[in-house]
PDB file of N, CA and C in Angstrom:
ATOM      1  N   MET A   1     143.760 101.250 261.628  1.00  0.00           N
ATOM      2  CA  MET A   1     143.645  99.834 261.978  1.00  0.00           C
ATOM      3  C   MET A   1     142.172  99.446 261.985  1.00  0.00           C
ATOM      4  N   SER A   2     141.837  98.367 261.339  1.00  0.00           N
ATOM      5  CA  SER A   2     140.447  97.913 261.319  1.00  0.00           C
ATOM      6  C   SER A   2     140.130  97.133 262.596  1.00  0.00           C
ATOM      7  N   ASP A   3     138.852  96.968 262.871  1.00  0.00           N
ATOM      8  CA  ASP A   3     138.425  96.263 264.080  1.00  0.00           C
ATOM      9  C   ASP A   3     138.842  94.795 264.067  1.00  0.00           C
ATOM     10  N   ASN A   4     139.028  94.243 262.896  1.00  0.00           N
ATOM     11  CA  ASN A   4     139.335  92.816 262.802  1.00  0.00           C
ATOM     12  C   ASN A   4     140.822  92.529 262.607  1.00  0.00           C
ATOM     13  N   GLU A   5     141.669  93.517 262.877  1.00  0.00           N
ATOM     14  CA  GLU A   5     143.100  93.323 262.690  1.00  0.00           C
ATOM     15  C   GLU A   5     143.715  92.631 263.906  1.00  0.00           C
ATOM     16  N   ARG A   6     144.356  91.518 263.659  1.00  0.00           N
ATOM     17  CA  ARG A   6     145.005  90.739 264.710  1.00  0.00           C
ATOM     18  C   ARG A   6     146.382  91.332 264.979  1.00  0.00           C
ATOM     19  N   ILE A   7     146.651  91.660 266.242  1.00  0.00           N
ATOM     20  CA  ILE A   7     147.930  92.236 266.643  1.00  0.00           C
ATOM     21  C   ILE A   7     148.700  91.167 267.414  1.00  0.00           C
ATOM     22  N   GLU A   8     149.823  90.747 266.857  1.00  0.00           N
ATOM     23  CA  GLU A   8     150.635  89.718 267.506  1.00  0.00           C
ATOM     24  C   GLU A   8     151.243  90.272 268.789  1.00  0.00           C
ATOM     25  N   ARG A   9     151.297  89.435 269.818  1.00  0.00           N
ATOM     26  CA  ARG A   9     151.914  89.783 271.099  1.00  0.00           C
ATOM     27  C   ARG A   9     152.931  88.695 271.428  1.00  0.00           C
ATOM     28  N   ASP A  10     153.837  88.978 272.363  1.00  0.00           N
ATOM     29  CA  ASP A  10     154.905  88.035 272.695  1.00  0.00           C
ATOM     30  C   ASP A  10     154.556  87.244 273.961  1.00  0.00           C
ATOM     31  N   PHE A  11     154.058  86.032 273.764  1.00  0.00           N
ATOM     32  CA  PHE A  11     153.707  85.166 274.888  1.00  0.00           C
ATOM     33  C   PHE A  11     154.923  84.923 275.784  1.00  0.00           C
ATOM     34  N   ASN A  12     156.094  84.795 275.186  1.00  0.00           N
ATOM     35  CA  ASN A  12     157.311  84.498 275.949  1.00  0.00           C
ATOM     36  C   ASN A  12     157.765  85.657 276.832  1.00  0.00           C
ATOM     37  N   ALA A  13     157.186  86.842 276.646  1.00  0.00           N
ATOM     38  CA  ALA A  13     157.525  87.996 277.491  1.00  0.00           C
ATOM     39  C   ALA A  13     156.823  87.914 278.850  1.00  0.00           C
ATOM     40  N   ARG A  14     155.864  87.015 278.970  1.00  0.00           N
ATOM     41  CA  ARG A  14     155.146  86.851 280.241  1.00  0.00           C
ATOM     42  C   ARG A  14     156.059  86.207 281.279  1.00  0.00           C
ATOM     43  N   ASP A  15     155.728  86.400 282.533  1.00  0.00           N
ATOM     44  CA  ASP A  15     156.532  85.814 283.608  1.00  0.00           C
ATOM     45  C   ASP A  15     156.354  84.286 283.614  1.00  0.00           C
ATOM     46  N   GLU A  16     157.362  83.583 284.091  1.00  0.00           N
ATOM     47  CA  GLU A  16     157.398  82.113 283.987  1.00  0.00           C
ATOM     48  C   GLU A  16     156.189  81.442 284.649  1.00  0.00           C
ATOM     49  N   ASP A  17     155.786  81.923 285.811  1.00  0.00           N
ATOM     50  CA  ASP A  17     154.629  81.325 286.497  1.00  0.00           C
ATOM     51  C   ASP A  17     153.353  81.523 285.691  1.00  0.00           C
ATOM     52  N   GLU A  18     153.212  82.699 285.088  1.00  0.00           N
ATOM     53  CA  GLU A  18     152.041  83.002 284.272  1.00  0.00           C
ATOM     54  C   GLU A  18     152.006  82.090 283.038  1.00  0.00           C
ATOM     55  N   LYS A  19     153.158  81.954 282.371  1.00  0.00           N
ATOM     56  CA  LYS A  19     153.228  81.079 281.188  1.00  0.00           C
ATOM     57  C   LYS A  19     152.878  79.644 281.567  1.00  0.00           C
ATOM     58  N   LYS A  20     153.439  79.176 282.678  1.00  0.00           N
ATOM     59  CA  LYS A  20     153.193  77.804 283.126  1.00  0.00           C
ATOM     60  C   LYS A  20     151.698  77.585 283.370  1.00  0.00           C
ATOM     61  N   ALA A  21     151.040  78.557 284.012  1.00  0.00           N
ATOM     62  CA  ALA A  21     149.602  78.438 284.290  1.00  0.00           C
ATOM     63  C   ALA A  21     148.808  78.352 282.992  1.00  0.00           C
ATOM     64  N   PHE A  22     149.115  79.221 282.033  1.00  0.00           N
ATOM     65  CA  PHE A  22     148.393  79.188 280.755  1.00  0.00           C
ATOM     66  C   PHE A  22     148.626  77.879 280.008  1.00  0.00           C
ATOM     67  N   LEU A  23     149.834  77.344 280.086  1.00  0.00           N
ATOM     68  CA  LEU A  23     150.167  76.120 279.350  1.00  0.00           C
ATOM     69  C   LEU A  23     149.636  74.855 280.018  1.00  0.00           C
ATOM     70  N   GLU A  24     149.421  74.884 281.330  1.00  0.00           N
ATOM     71  CA  GLU A  24     148.993  73.677 282.040  1.00  0.00           C
ATOM     72  C   GLU A  24     147.520  73.691 282.430  1.00  0.00           C
ATOM     73  N   GLU A  25     146.985  74.853 282.768  1.00  0.00           N
ATOM     74  CA  GLU A  25     145.607  74.946 283.249  1.00  0.00           C
ATOM     75  C   GLU A  25     144.679  75.309 282.101  1.00  0.00           C
ATOM     76  N   THR A  26     144.396  74.330 281.273  1.00  0.00           N
ATOM     77  CA  THR A  26     143.603  74.544 280.065  1.00  0.00           C
ATOM     78  C   THR A  26     142.334  73.695 280.093  1.00  0.00           C
ATOM     79  N   TRP A  27     141.392  74.092 279.271  1.00  0.00           N
ATOM     80  CA  TRP A  27     140.171  73.297 279.058  1.00  0.00           C
ATOM     81  C   TRP A  27     140.110  72.992 277.583  1.00  0.00           C
ATOM     82  N   CYS A  28     139.957  71.737 277.250  1.00  0.00           N
ATOM     83  CA  CYS A  28     139.822  71.343 275.844  1.00  0.00           C
ATOM     84  C   CYS A  28     138.357  71.021 275.560  1.00  0.00           C
ATOM     85  N   ASP A  29     137.757  71.771 274.647  1.00  0.00           N
ATOM     86  CA  ASP A  29     136.361  71.525 274.273  1.00  0.00           C
ATOM     87  C   ASP A  29     136.185  70.159 273.608  1.00  0.00           C
ATOM     88  N   GLN A  30     137.185  69.736 272.862  1.00  0.00           N
ATOM     89  CA  GLN A  30     137.109  68.446 272.163  1.00  0.00           C
ATOM     90  C   GLN A  30     137.164  67.278 273.149  1.00  0.00           C
ATOM     91  N   CYS A  31     138.139  67.322 274.053  1.00  0.00           N
ATOM     92  CA  CYS A  31     138.314  66.235 275.027  1.00  0.00           C
ATOM     93  C   CYS A  31     137.312  66.342 276.192  1.00  0.00           C
ATOM     94  N   GLN A  32     136.779  67.554 276.413  1.00  0.00           N
ATOM     95  CA  GLN A  32     135.903  67.819 277.553  1.00  0.00           C
ATOM     96  C   GLN A  32     136.610  67.484 278.866  1.00  0.00           C
ATOM     97  N   GLU A  33     137.891  67.890 278.926  1.00  0.00           N
ATOM     98  CA  GLU A  33     138.693  67.659 280.126  1.00  0.00           C
ATOM     99  C   GLU A  33     139.493  68.906 280.449  1.00  0.00           C
ATOM    100  N   VAL A  34     139.799  69.050 281.722  1.00  0.00           N
ATOM    101  CA  VAL A  34     140.559  70.198 282.193  1.00  0.00           C
ATOM    102  C   VAL A  34     142.025  69.809 282.416  1.00  0.00           C
ATOM    103  N   ASN A  35     142.897  70.797 282.295  1.00  0.00           N
ATOM    104  CA  ASN A  35     144.323  70.679 282.610  1.00  0.00           C
ATOM    105  C   ASN A  35     145.067  69.592 281.832  1.00  0.00           C
ATOM    106  N   LEU A  36     144.741  69.463 280.547  1.00  0.00           N
ATOM    107  CA  LEU A  36     145.467  68.521 279.696  1.00  0.00           C
ATOM    108  C   LEU A  36     146.773  69.117 279.194  1.00  0.00           C
ATOM    109  N   GLY A  37     146.832  70.444 279.157  1.00  0.00           N
ATOM    110  CA  GLY A  37     148.030  71.127 278.690  1.00  0.00           C
ATOM    111  C   GLY A  37     147.893  71.630 277.269  1.00  0.00           C
ATOM    112  N   MET A  38     148.677  72.650 276.979  1.00  0.00           N
ATOM    113  CA  MET A  38     148.657  73.306 275.672  1.00  0.00           C
ATOM    114  C   MET A  38     150.082  73.390 275.142  1.00  0.00           C
ATOM    115  N   VAL A  39     150.242  73.218 273.834  1.00  0.00           N
ATOM    116  CA  VAL A  39     151.540  73.389 273.182  1.00  0.00           C
ATOM    117  C   VAL A  39     151.388  74.431 272.077  1.00  0.00           C
ATOM    118  N   GLU A  40     152.499  74.936 271.598  1.00  0.00           N
ATOM    119  CA  GLU A  40     152.545  75.923 270.514  1.00  0.00           C
ATOM    120  C   GLU A  40     151.702  77.166 270.811  1.00  0.00           C
ATOM    121  N   PRO A  41     151.914  77.805 271.981  1.00  0.00           N
ATOM    122  CA  PRO A  41     151.105  78.976 272.320  1.00  0.00           C
ATOM    123  C   PRO A  41     151.409  80.186 271.439  1.00  0.00           C
ATOM    124  N   VAL A  42     150.351  80.889 271.064  1.00  0.00           N
ATOM    125  CA  VAL A  42     150.458  82.135 270.306  1.00  0.00           C
ATOM    126  C   VAL A  42     149.565  83.138 271.013  1.00  0.00           C
ATOM    127  N   GLU A  43     150.101  84.309 271.268  1.00  0.00           N
ATOM    128  CA  GLU A  43     149.311  85.345 271.938  1.00  0.00           C
ATOM    129  C   GLU A  43     149.047  86.471 270.953  1.00  0.00           C
ATOM    130  N   TYR A  44     147.816  86.970 270.958  1.00  0.00           N
ATOM    131  CA  TYR A  44     147.471  88.078 270.072  1.00  0.00           C
ATOM    132  C   TYR A  44     146.297  88.864 270.640  1.00  0.00           C
ATOM    133  N   GLU A  45     146.127  90.057 270.079  1.00  0.00           N
ATOM    134  CA  GLU A  45     145.009  90.912 270.461  1.00  0.00           C
ATOM    135  C   GLU A  45     144.117  91.084 269.239  1.00  0.00           C
ATOM    136  N   LEU A  46     142.816  90.978 269.450  1.00  0.00           N
ATOM    137  CA  LEU A  46     141.845  91.139 268.374  1.00  0.00           C
ATOM    138  C   LEU A  46     140.645  91.863 268.958  1.00  0.00           C
ATOM    139  N   ASN A  47     140.269  92.977 268.343  1.00  0.00           N
ATOM    140  CA  ASN A  47     139.141  93.775 268.831  1.00  0.00           C
ATOM    141  C   ASN A  47     139.297  94.136 270.305  1.00  0.00           C
ATOM    142  N   GLU A  48     140.539  94.507 270.691  1.00  0.00           N
ATOM    143  CA  GLU A  48     140.881  94.930 272.046  1.00  0.00           C
ATOM    144  C   GLU A  48     140.734  93.819 273.092  1.00  0.00           C
ATOM    145  N   ILE A  49     140.702  92.571 272.650  1.00  0.00           N
ATOM    146  CA  ILE A  49     140.647  91.415 273.546  1.00  0.00           C
ATOM    147  C   ILE A  49     141.931  90.608 273.319  1.00  0.00           C
ATOM    148  N   ILE A  50     142.570  90.197 274.407  1.00  0.00           N
ATOM    149  CA  ILE A  50     143.806  89.411 274.305  1.00  0.00           C
ATOM    150  C   ILE A  50     143.458  87.925 274.365  1.00  0.00           C
ATOM    151  N   PHE A  51     144.038  87.160 273.449  1.00  0.00           N
ATOM    152  CA  PHE A  51     143.820  85.721 273.361  1.00  0.00           C
ATOM    153  C   PHE A  51     145.151  84.989 273.436  1.00  0.00           C
ATOM    154  N   ILE A  52     145.115  83.793 274.012  1.00  0.00           N
ATOM    155  CA  ILE A  52     146.236  82.865 273.925  1.00  0.00           C
ATOM    156  C   ILE A  52     145.667  81.599 273.295  1.00  0.00           C
ATOM    157  N   GLU A  53     146.273  81.215 272.191  1.00  0.00           N
ATOM    158  CA  GLU A  53     145.786  80.080 271.409  1.00  0.00           C
ATOM    159  C   GLU A  53     146.894  79.048 271.308  1.00  0.00           C
ATOM    160  N   GLY A  54     146.530  77.794 271.424  1.00  0.00           N
ATOM    161  CA  GLY A  54     147.506  76.722 271.290  1.00  0.00           C
ATOM    162  C   GLY A  54     146.792  75.429 270.926  1.00  0.00           C
ATOM    163  N   LYS A  55     147.510  74.341 271.023  1.00  0.00           N
ATOM    164  CA  LYS A  55     146.943  73.026 270.704  1.00  0.00           C
ATOM    165  C   LYS A  55     146.918  72.164 271.950  1.00  0.00           C
ATOM    166  N   CYS A  56     145.849  71.402 272.116  1.00  0.00           N
ATOM    167  CA  CYS A  56     145.709  70.468 273.228  1.00  0.00           C
ATOM    168  C   CYS A  56     146.810  69.408 273.122  1.00  0.00           C
ATOM    169  N   LYS A  57     147.479  69.145 274.251  1.00  0.00           N
ATOM    170  CA  LYS A  57     148.529  68.118 274.264  1.00  0.00           C
ATOM    171  C   LYS A  57     147.970  66.722 273.998  1.00  0.00           C
ATOM    172  N   LYS A  58     146.709  66.496 274.339  1.00  0.00           N
ATOM    173  CA  LYS A  58     146.133  65.159 274.199  1.00  0.00           C
ATOM    174  C   LYS A  58     145.628  64.902 272.778  1.00  0.00           C
ATOM    175  N   CYS A  59     144.809  65.844 272.229  1.00  0.00           N
ATOM    176  CA  CYS A  59     144.165  65.558 270.942  1.00  0.00           C
ATOM    177  C   CYS A  59     144.608  66.473 269.798  1.00  0.00           C
ATOM    178  N   GLY A  60     145.304  67.566 270.117  1.00  0.00           N
ATOM    179  CA  GLY A  60     145.792  68.466 269.075  1.00  0.00           C
ATOM    180  C   GLY A  60     144.791  69.516 268.628  1.00  0.00           C
ATOM    181  N   SER A  61     143.585  69.526 269.202  1.00  0.00           N
ATOM    182  CA  SER A  61     142.592  70.537 268.843  1.00  0.00           C
ATOM    183  C   SER A  61     143.034  71.910 269.336  1.00  0.00           C
ATOM    184  N   ILE A  62     142.531  72.937 268.678  1.00  0.00           N
ATOM    185  CA  ILE A  62     142.851  74.310 269.077  1.00  0.00           C
ATOM    186  C   ILE A  62     142.175  74.639 270.399  1.00  0.00           C
ATOM    187  N   ILE A  63     142.951  75.195 271.310  1.00  0.00           N
ATOM    188  CA  ILE A  63     142.456  75.702 272.590  1.00  0.00           C
ATOM    189  C   ILE A  63     142.601  77.215 272.531  1.00  0.00           C
ATOM    190  N   LEU A  64     141.537  77.921 272.842  1.00  0.00           N
ATOM    191  CA  LEU A  64     141.555  79.372 272.792  1.00  0.00           C
ATOM    192  C   LEU A  64     141.183  79.917 274.153  1.00  0.00           C
ATOM    193  N   THR A  65     142.070  80.718 274.737  1.00  0.00           N
ATOM    194  CA  THR A  65     141.831  81.338 276.033  1.00  0.00           C
ATOM    195  C   THR A  65     141.686  82.839 275.819  1.00  0.00           C
ATOM    196  N   GLU A  66     140.568  83.383 276.265  1.00  0.00           N
ATOM    197  CA  GLU A  66     140.332  84.822 276.209  1.00  0.00           C
ATOM    198  C   GLU A  66     140.674  85.388 277.575  1.00  0.00           C
ATOM    199  N   LEU A  67     141.570  86.373 277.604  1.00  0.00           N
ATOM    200  CA  LEU A  67     141.995  86.948 278.868  1.00  0.00           C
ATOM    201  C   LEU A  67     141.035  88.053 279.290  1.00  0.00           C
ATOM    202  N   THR A  68     140.649  87.996 280.559  1.00  0.00           N
ATOM    203  CA  THR A  68     139.813  89.042 281.126  1.00  0.00           C
ATOM    204  C   THR A  68     140.717  90.029 281.853  1.00  0.00           C
ATOM    205  N   ASP A  69     140.180  91.165 282.234  1.00  0.00           N
ATOM    206  CA  ASP A  69     140.982  92.213 282.869  1.00  0.00           C
ATOM    207  C   ASP A  69     141.732  91.736 284.105  1.00  0.00           C
ATOM    208  N   ASP A  70     141.195  90.785 284.851  1.00  0.00           N
ATOM    209  CA  ASP A  70     141.876  90.321 286.061  1.00  0.00           C
ATOM    210  C   ASP A  70     142.984  89.311 285.776  1.00  0.00           C
ATOM    211  N   GLU A  71     143.177  88.936 284.514  1.00  0.00           N
ATOM    212  CA  GLU A  71     144.211  87.960 284.174  1.00  0.00           C
ATOM    213  C   GLU A  71     145.485  88.593 283.598  1.00  0.00           C
ATOM    214  N   PHE A  72     145.480  89.899 283.392  1.00  0.00           N
ATOM    215  CA  PHE A  72     146.702  90.547 282.879  1.00  0.00           C
ATOM    216  C   PHE A  72     146.854  91.925 283.433  1.00  0.00           C
TER     217      PHE A  72
END
């Protein structure tokens, strides 16, 4: 496996409260606002870092959340 290989993960396997937090407690760089919400979440691992990526509910821009060790 190369360092740049994206490994798909199952966002829906997360517990309901965790999913709700990721989908609602977001920061959109485009809107410069917090907690606008995210749709179409995709979870993956890249270079041993877990990401959750989706689209801002307000403007549709990509929102990328990098999970730290205390978040999973």
